[in-house]
Amino acid sequence: MPLAPSLSARRWFRPRRPRASSPALLLVQPVLNRIVRDITRQLPELFARLGPYCRSRFLIDARDMPFLLLLRPDPGRPVFAAWPRSAEPECDARISGSFRDLLGLIDGGTDGDALFFSRDLDITGNLEAVVCLRNAIDDVDGALADRVAGALGPAGHIAWALLLRRHRRARGGNGR
């Protein structure tokens, strides 16, 4: 009788998620959970558009934020989680830029190609998966950011309007 478990070592051993190291992580995680739950329910076509990359892990690094975001757009078990910078999770692709630039990408008002070629946006890892994610977001009717704000109710709409106003003011009123 074998003593080893029948599951492969990778599936059997799952590293634990690090404990939240800051109050910001504790506050933001319930919001991220609600966003991913509502977007999964509202936009199943988004996941279909990702094809083989729907189980890829995208690390989103807003350089001026105190934490990292991990997105795994698996329609069966989506993950959108905040991680401490000191415990960076494994990922298939990393998207890094200022919060303002990343916000502009989600809003659809900023040209991702221009950010990439000006080196304001860094992408490493599986570039094909990132392009697929970008195309899936671009194909959403209306701005994905509006749907995210809607998932958070009236407070989300107010917060989103304030963020957009601040983003546009910083860019001179016309995006990039």
Protein backbone atom coordinates (compact mmCIF):
# COMPACT_ATOMS: atom_id res chain seq x y z
CA MET A 1 0.00 0.00 0.00
CA PRO A 2 1.54 3.33 -1.05
CA LEU A 3 2.11 5.91 1.64
CA ALA A 4 2.21 8.90 -0.71
CA PRO A 5 -1.02 10.69 -1.61
CA SER A 6 -2.53 9.83 -4.97
CA LEU A 7 -2.78 13.48 -6.06
CA SER A 8 0.14 15.07 -7.81
CA ALA A 9 2.44 17.10 -5.57
CA ARG A 10 1.43 20.35 -7.26
CA ARG A 11 -2.28 19.80 -6.71
CA TRP A 12 -1.87 18.37 -3.23
CA PHE A 13 0.31 21.16 -1.88
CA ARG A 14 -1.23 24.61 -2.06
CA PRO A 15 0.74 27.43 -0.51
CA ARG A 16 -1.30 29.43 1.93
CA ARG A 17 -2.10 32.99 1.12
CA PRO A 18 -0.08 35.35 3.28
CA ARG A 19 -1.91 37.12 6.06
CA ALA A 20 -2.96 40.67 5.38
CA SER A 21 -0.09 42.85 6.45
CA SER A 22 -1.94 46.13 6.36
CA PRO A 23 -5.39 47.52 7.08
CA ALA A 24 -5.62 48.52 3.40
CA LEU A 25 -5.68 44.83 2.40
CA LEU A 26 -8.37 44.06 4.94
CA LEU A 27 -10.51 46.92 3.65
CA VAL A 28 -10.06 46.36 -0.07
CA GLN A 29 -10.54 42.56 -0.26
CA PRO A 30 -14.34 42.50 0.33
CA VAL A 31 -14.69 45.12 -2.41
CA LEU A 32 -12.60 43.03 -4.81
CA ASN A 33 -14.65 39.92 -3.98
CA ARG A 34 -17.87 41.73 -4.83
CA ILE A 35 -16.46 43.12 -8.06
CA VAL A 36 -15.29 39.75 -9.36
CA ARG A 37 -18.54 38.04 -8.33
CA ASP A 38 -20.73 40.63 -10.09
CA ILE A 39 -18.59 40.87 -13.24
CA THR A 40 -18.56 37.06 -13.53
CA ARG A 41 -22.35 37.01 -13.34
CA GLN A 42 -22.91 39.99 -15.69
CA LEU A 43 -20.29 39.28 -18.36
CA PRO A 44 -19.88 35.57 -19.09
CA GLU A 45 -18.81 36.52 -22.63
CA LEU A 46 -15.74 38.23 -21.19
CA PHE A 47 -14.48 34.86 -19.97
CA ALA A 48 -15.34 33.10 -23.21
CA ARG A 49 -13.30 35.70 -25.08
CA LEU A 50 -10.24 34.85 -22.96
CA GLY A 51 -10.24 31.32 -24.32
CA PRO A 52 -7.24 29.31 -23.08
CA TYR A 53 -6.07 32.22 -20.91
CA CYS A 54 -9.11 32.28 -18.61
CA ARG A 55 -7.10 30.43 -15.97
CA SER A 56 -4.00 32.60 -16.32
CA ARG A 57 -2.84 34.59 -13.32
CA PHE A 58 -2.40 38.29 -14.02
CA LEU A 59 -0.51 40.33 -11.46
CA ILE A 60 -1.55 43.98 -11.59
CA ASP A 61 0.97 46.30 -10.03
CA ALA A 62 -0.27 49.84 -9.58
CA ARG A 63 3.14 51.15 -8.54
CA ASP A 64 1.77 53.90 -6.34
CA MET A 65 -0.56 51.61 -4.37
CA PRO A 66 0.51 49.80 -1.17
CA PHE A 67 -0.52 46.36 -2.49
CA LEU A 68 -0.60 44.19 -5.61
CA LEU A 69 -3.69 42.73 -7.28
CA LEU A 70 -3.92 39.18 -8.55
CA LEU A 71 -6.55 38.46 -11.20
CA ARG A 72 -7.41 34.93 -12.27
CA PRO A 73 -10.44 35.21 -14.57
CA ASP A 74 -11.50 31.57 -14.28
CA PRO A 75 -15.30 31.59 -14.81
CA GLY A 76 -15.70 28.67 -12.39
CA ARG A 77 -13.54 30.15 -9.61
CA PRO A 78 -12.58 33.73 -10.37
CA VAL A 79 -10.01 35.39 -8.14
CA PHE A 80 -9.38 39.10 -7.67
CA ALA A 81 -7.23 39.46 -4.59
CA ALA A 82 -5.05 42.03 -2.91
CA TRP A 83 -1.56 40.85 -1.93
CA PRO A 84 1.11 42.51 0.16
CA ARG A 85 4.08 43.70 -1.87
CA SER A 86 6.36 41.70 0.40
CA ALA A 87 4.71 38.40 -0.60
CA GLU A 88 4.33 38.63 -4.36
CA PRO A 89 2.32 35.66 -5.71
CA GLU A 90 3.27 33.57 -8.74
CA CYS A 91 1.80 34.84 -11.99
CA ASP A 92 1.71 34.14 -15.69
CA ALA A 93 1.85 37.82 -16.64
CA ARG A 94 2.57 41.05 -14.81
CA ILE A 95 1.08 44.41 -15.76
CA SER A 96 2.73 47.35 -14.05
CA GLY A 97 2.05 51.06 -14.26
CA SER A 98 0.81 54.01 -12.26
CA PHE A 99 -2.64 53.74 -10.75
CA ARG A 100 -3.76 56.62 -12.97
CA ASP A 101 -2.59 54.87 -16.15
CA LEU A 102 -4.16 51.55 -15.17
CA LEU A 103 -7.38 53.36 -14.32
CA GLY A 104 -7.36 54.92 -17.78
CA LEU A 105 -7.00 51.47 -19.35
CA ILE A 106 -10.01 50.11 -17.48
CA ASP A 107 -12.02 53.23 -18.38
CA GLY A 108 -11.09 52.87 -22.04
CA GLY A 109 -9.90 56.48 -22.22
CA THR A 110 -6.18 55.72 -22.36
CA ASP A 111 -4.34 54.09 -25.26
CA GLY A 112 -2.62 50.97 -23.94
CA ASP A 113 -0.26 50.79 -26.92
CA ALA A 114 0.93 54.35 -26.33
CA LEU A 115 1.52 53.58 -22.63
CA PHE A 116 3.42 50.41 -23.51
CA PHE A 117 5.68 52.01 -26.12
CA SER A 118 6.36 55.06 -23.94
CA ARG A 119 7.35 52.61 -21.18
CA ASP A 120 4.73 53.97 -18.80
CA LEU A 121 3.23 50.48 -18.80
CA ASP A 122 5.44 47.43 -18.23
CA ILE A 123 4.26 43.99 -19.25
CA THR A 124 6.24 40.85 -18.53
CA GLY A 125 5.44 37.18 -18.78
CA ASN A 126 2.85 35.80 -21.20
CA LEU A 127 2.23 38.73 -23.54
CA GLU A 128 -0.29 36.75 -25.58
CA ALA A 129 -2.44 36.30 -22.46
CA VAL A 130 -2.26 40.05 -21.73
CA VAL A 131 -3.28 40.93 -25.30
CA CYS A 132 -6.16 38.49 -25.02
CA LEU A 133 -7.25 40.09 -21.72
CA ARG A 134 -7.03 43.55 -23.25
CA ASN A 135 -9.10 42.50 -26.27
CA ALA A 136 -11.71 40.91 -24.01
CA ILE A 137 -11.99 44.11 -21.96
CA ASP A 138 -12.17 46.25 -25.12
CA ASP A 139 -15.03 44.09 -26.45
CA VAL A 140 -17.25 44.75 -23.42
CA ASP A 141 -20.22 46.94 -24.34
CA GLY A 142 -19.61 50.19 -22.49
CA ALA A 143 -16.72 50.73 -20.14
CA LEU A 144 -15.84 47.87 -17.83
CA ALA A 145 -15.14 50.46 -15.16
CA ASP A 146 -18.80 51.57 -15.24
CA ARG A 147 -19.85 47.99 -14.54
CA VAL A 148 -17.35 47.75 -11.69
CA ALA A 149 -18.75 50.95 -10.19
CA GLY A 150 -22.26 49.57 -10.62
CA ALA A 151 -21.29 46.44 -8.72
CA LEU A 152 -20.51 48.66 -5.75
CA GLY A 153 -23.83 50.52 -5.78
CA PRO A 154 -24.31 54.29 -5.42
CA ALA A 155 -21.09 54.70 -3.44
CA GLY A 156 -19.21 53.00 -6.28
CA HIS A 157 -20.63 55.42 -8.84
CA ILE A 158 -19.65 58.40 -6.70
CA ALA A 159 -16.14 57.06 -6.09
CA TRP A 160 -15.71 56.26 -9.79
CA ALA A 161 -16.83 59.75 -10.84
CA LEU A 162 -14.33 61.29 -8.40
CA LEU A 163 -11.50 59.06 -9.64
CA LEU A 164 -12.27 59.87 -13.28
CA ARG A 165 -12.40 63.59 -12.59
CA ARG A 166 -9.05 63.43 -10.83
CA HIS A 167 -7.56 61.27 -13.61
CA ARG A 168 -8.73 63.63 -16.35
CA ARG A 169 -7.53 66.71 -14.48
CA ALA A 170 -4.06 65.13 -14.07
CA ARG A 171 -3.95 64.37 -17.81
CA GLY A 172 -4.98 67.87 -18.84
CA GLY A 173 -8.63 66.98 -19.43
CA ASN A 174 -8.21 64.91 -22.58
CA GLY A 175 -6.70 61.58 -21.51
CA ARG A 176 -3.35 60.78 -23.03
